Amino acid sequence: MALLDRIDRKILAILQEDTTMPVAEIGKKVGLSTTPCWRRIQRLEEDGIIQRRVALLDPKRVKAGVTV
């Protein structure tokens, strides 16, 4: 199991809010340049911490009822 440091946790928090944010912008927010930030994201994916990237839909707009 990979140990997560403060920067990894910041990256994960950002990606949970907006997975479409450019890596350069994520890097700026966490204090890294683009390449090291991208490497960390790749490692988090390879280690299974980031399992997939998804889109959250507005249930009203897609006319979805309650799903259980």
N, C-alpha and C. Protein backbone atom coordinates (compact mmCIF):
# COMPACT_ATOMS: atom_id res chain seq x y z
N MET A 1 0.85 -1.19 0.00
CA MET A 1 0.00 0.00 0.00
C MET A 1 0.89 1.24 0.00
N ALA A 2 0.61 2.15 -0.89
CA ALA A 2 1.40 3.37 -1.00
C ALA A 2 1.05 4.33 0.14
N LEU A 3 2.06 5.01 0.64
CA LEU A 3 1.83 6.05 1.64
C LEU A 3 1.54 7.35 0.91
N LEU A 4 0.55 8.06 1.39
CA LEU A 4 0.17 9.33 0.78
C LEU A 4 0.73 10.47 1.60
N ASP A 5 1.43 11.38 0.93
CA ASP A 5 1.92 12.56 1.64
C ASP A 5 0.93 13.71 1.44
N ARG A 6 1.29 14.86 1.99
CA ARG A 6 0.42 16.04 1.94
C ARG A 6 0.09 16.43 0.50
N ILE A 7 1.06 16.37 -0.39
CA ILE A 7 0.84 16.76 -1.79
C ILE A 7 -0.10 15.78 -2.47
N ASP A 8 0.11 14.47 -2.24
CA ASP A 8 -0.80 13.48 -2.82
C ASP A 8 -2.23 13.74 -2.38
N ARG A 9 -2.40 14.03 -1.11
CA ARG A 9 -3.75 14.28 -0.59
C ARG A 9 -4.37 15.54 -1.21
N LYS A 10 -3.56 16.57 -1.44
CA LYS A 10 -4.07 17.77 -2.10
C LYS A 10 -4.49 17.46 -3.53
N ILE A 11 -3.65 16.70 -4.23
CA ILE A 11 -3.97 16.32 -5.61
C ILE A 11 -5.29 15.55 -5.64
N LEU A 12 -5.45 14.59 -4.74
CA LEU A 12 -6.68 13.80 -4.70
C LEU A 12 -7.90 14.67 -4.39
N ALA A 13 -7.75 15.62 -3.49
CA ALA A 13 -8.87 16.51 -3.16
C ALA A 13 -9.28 17.33 -4.38
N ILE A 14 -8.29 17.82 -5.11
CA ILE A 14 -8.58 18.61 -6.31
C ILE A 14 -9.28 17.75 -7.35
N LEU A 15 -8.76 16.55 -7.59
CA LEU A 15 -9.35 15.67 -8.59
C LEU A 15 -10.76 15.23 -8.21
N GLN A 16 -11.04 15.10 -6.93
CA GLN A 16 -12.39 14.75 -6.52
C GLN A 16 -13.38 15.86 -6.82
N GLU A 17 -12.90 17.09 -6.83
CA GLU A 17 -13.77 18.22 -7.16
C GLU A 17 -13.90 18.42 -8.67
N ASP A 18 -12.79 18.23 -9.40
CA ASP A 18 -12.81 18.50 -10.85
C ASP A 18 -11.70 17.69 -11.53
N THR A 19 -12.07 16.56 -12.07
CA THR A 19 -11.08 15.71 -12.73
C THR A 19 -10.65 16.24 -14.10
N THR A 20 -11.33 17.28 -14.58
CA THR A 20 -10.96 17.85 -15.88
C THR A 20 -9.94 18.98 -15.77
N MET A 21 -9.57 19.35 -14.55
CA MET A 21 -8.61 20.44 -14.35
C MET A 21 -7.27 20.04 -14.99
N PRO A 22 -6.67 20.94 -15.75
CA PRO A 22 -5.37 20.64 -16.37
C PRO A 22 -4.30 20.35 -15.32
N VAL A 23 -3.40 19.43 -15.65
CA VAL A 23 -2.34 19.03 -14.71
C VAL A 23 -1.49 20.23 -14.32
N ALA A 24 -1.23 21.14 -15.25
CA ALA A 24 -0.43 22.32 -14.94
C ALA A 24 -1.09 23.15 -13.84
N GLU A 25 -2.40 23.26 -13.89
CA GLU A 25 -3.13 24.03 -12.87
C GLU A 25 -3.12 23.30 -11.53
N ILE A 26 -3.29 21.98 -11.57
CA ILE A 26 -3.21 21.19 -10.33
C ILE A 26 -1.83 21.37 -9.72
N GLY A 27 -0.81 21.28 -10.56
CA GLY A 27 0.56 21.46 -10.09
C GLY A 27 0.76 22.79 -9.39
N LYS A 28 0.24 23.85 -9.98
CA LYS A 28 0.35 25.18 -9.37
C LYS A 28 -0.29 25.20 -7.99
N LYS A 29 -1.45 24.57 -7.89
CA LYS A 29 -2.19 24.58 -6.62
C LYS A 29 -1.48 23.80 -5.52
N VAL A 30 -0.69 22.79 -5.92
CA VAL A 30 -0.01 21.97 -4.91
C VAL A 30 1.48 22.27 -4.80
N GLY A 31 1.97 23.18 -5.63
CA GLY A 31 3.37 23.58 -5.54
C GLY A 31 4.33 22.70 -6.32
N LEU A 32 3.86 22.11 -7.42
CA LEU A 32 4.71 21.28 -8.28
C LEU A 32 4.64 21.78 -9.71
N SER A 33 5.67 21.47 -10.47
CA SER A 33 5.59 21.73 -11.91
C SER A 33 4.77 20.61 -12.55
N THR A 34 4.46 20.76 -13.81
CA THR A 34 3.56 19.85 -14.50
C THR A 34 4.03 18.40 -14.48
N THR A 35 5.29 18.15 -14.85
CA THR A 35 5.77 16.77 -14.96
C THR A 35 5.74 16.01 -13.64
N PRO A 36 6.27 16.55 -12.54
CA PRO A 36 6.17 15.81 -11.28
C PRO A 36 4.72 15.60 -10.82
N CYS A 37 3.87 16.55 -11.10
CA CYS A 37 2.46 16.42 -10.74
C CYS A 37 1.84 15.28 -11.54
N TRP A 38 2.11 15.24 -12.85
CA TRP A 38 1.57 14.18 -13.71
C TRP A 38 2.08 12.81 -13.27
N ARG A 39 3.36 12.74 -12.88
CA ARG A 39 3.92 11.47 -12.41
C ARG A 39 3.20 10.98 -11.15
N ARG A 40 2.90 11.90 -10.26
CA ARG A 40 2.19 11.52 -9.03
C ARG A 40 0.79 11.01 -9.35
N ILE A 41 0.09 11.68 -10.27
CA ILE A 41 -1.24 11.24 -10.66
C ILE A 41 -1.15 9.84 -11.28
N GLN A 42 -0.17 9.62 -12.14
CA GLN A 42 0.01 8.30 -12.75
C GLN A 42 0.28 7.24 -11.68
N ARG A 43 1.11 7.56 -10.69
CA ARG A 43 1.42 6.60 -9.63
C ARG A 43 0.17 6.29 -8.82
N LEU A 44 -0.63 7.32 -8.53
CA LEU A 44 -1.87 7.11 -7.79
C LEU A 44 -2.82 6.20 -8.57
N GLU A 45 -2.82 6.32 -9.90
CA GLU A 45 -3.64 5.44 -10.73
C GLU A 45 -3.06 4.02 -10.74
N GLU A 46 -1.76 3.90 -10.93
CA GLU A 46 -1.12 2.58 -10.96
C GLU A 46 -1.27 1.84 -9.65
N ASP A 47 -1.24 2.57 -8.53
CA ASP A 47 -1.38 1.97 -7.21
C ASP A 47 -2.84 1.66 -6.86
N GLY A 48 -3.77 2.03 -7.74
CA GLY A 48 -5.18 1.74 -7.52
C GLY A 48 -5.88 2.70 -6.58
N ILE A 49 -5.19 3.78 -6.20
CA ILE A 49 -5.81 4.79 -5.33
C ILE A 49 -6.86 5.56 -6.13
N ILE A 50 -6.48 5.95 -7.34
CA ILE A 50 -7.45 6.50 -8.29
C ILE A 50 -7.90 5.32 -9.14
N GLN A 51 -9.14 4.91 -8.98
CA GLN A 51 -9.63 3.73 -9.69
C GLN A 51 -10.15 4.08 -11.08
N ARG A 52 -10.82 5.21 -11.18
CA ARG A 52 -11.33 5.65 -12.48
C ARG A 52 -11.78 7.09 -12.36
N ARG A 53 -12.02 7.71 -13.49
CA ARG A 53 -12.53 9.08 -13.52
C ARG A 53 -13.94 9.02 -14.06
N VAL A 54 -14.85 9.68 -13.39
CA VAL A 54 -16.26 9.58 -13.77
C VAL A 54 -16.88 10.97 -13.89
N ALA A 55 -18.06 11.00 -14.49
CA ALA A 55 -18.84 12.23 -14.60
C ALA A 55 -20.05 12.10 -13.68
N LEU A 56 -20.32 13.14 -12.92
CA LEU A 56 -21.52 13.18 -12.08
C LEU A 56 -22.63 13.87 -12.87
N LEU A 57 -23.75 13.21 -12.96
CA LEU A 57 -24.86 13.73 -13.75
C LEU A 57 -25.92 14.33 -12.83
N ASP A 58 -26.63 15.29 -13.35
CA ASP A 58 -27.76 15.89 -12.63
C ASP A 58 -28.96 14.99 -12.88
N PRO A 59 -29.44 14.29 -11.84
CA PRO A 59 -30.53 13.34 -12.04
C PRO A 59 -31.80 13.96 -12.63
N LYS A 60 -32.08 15.20 -12.29
CA LYS A 60 -33.28 15.85 -12.82
C LYS A 60 -33.17 16.07 -14.32
N ARG A 61 -31.99 16.45 -14.77
CA ARG A 61 -31.82 16.74 -16.19
C ARG A 61 -31.81 15.49 -17.06
N VAL A 62 -31.43 14.36 -16.47
CA VAL A 62 -31.44 13.11 -17.24
C VAL A 62 -32.68 12.28 -16.92
N LYS A 63 -33.59 12.91 -16.16
CA LYS A 63 -34.87 12.28 -15.80
C LYS A 63 -34.67 10.90 -15.16
N ALA A 64 -33.76 10.87 -14.18
CA ALA A 64 -33.50 9.63 -13.45
C ALA A 64 -34.25 9.66 -12.12
N GLY A 65 -34.86 8.54 -11.80
CA GLY A 65 -35.53 8.42 -10.53
C GLY A 65 -34.55 7.97 -9.46
N VAL A 66 -35.07 7.51 -8.36
CA VAL A 66 -34.23 7.03 -7.27
C VAL A 66 -33.64 5.68 -7.67
N THR A 67 -32.34 5.53 -7.48
CA THR A 67 -31.67 4.28 -7.77
C THR A 67 -31.17 3.69 -6.47
N VAL A 68 -31.45 2.40 -6.29
CA VAL A 68 -31.03 1.73 -5.06
C VAL A 68 -30.12 0.57 -5.41
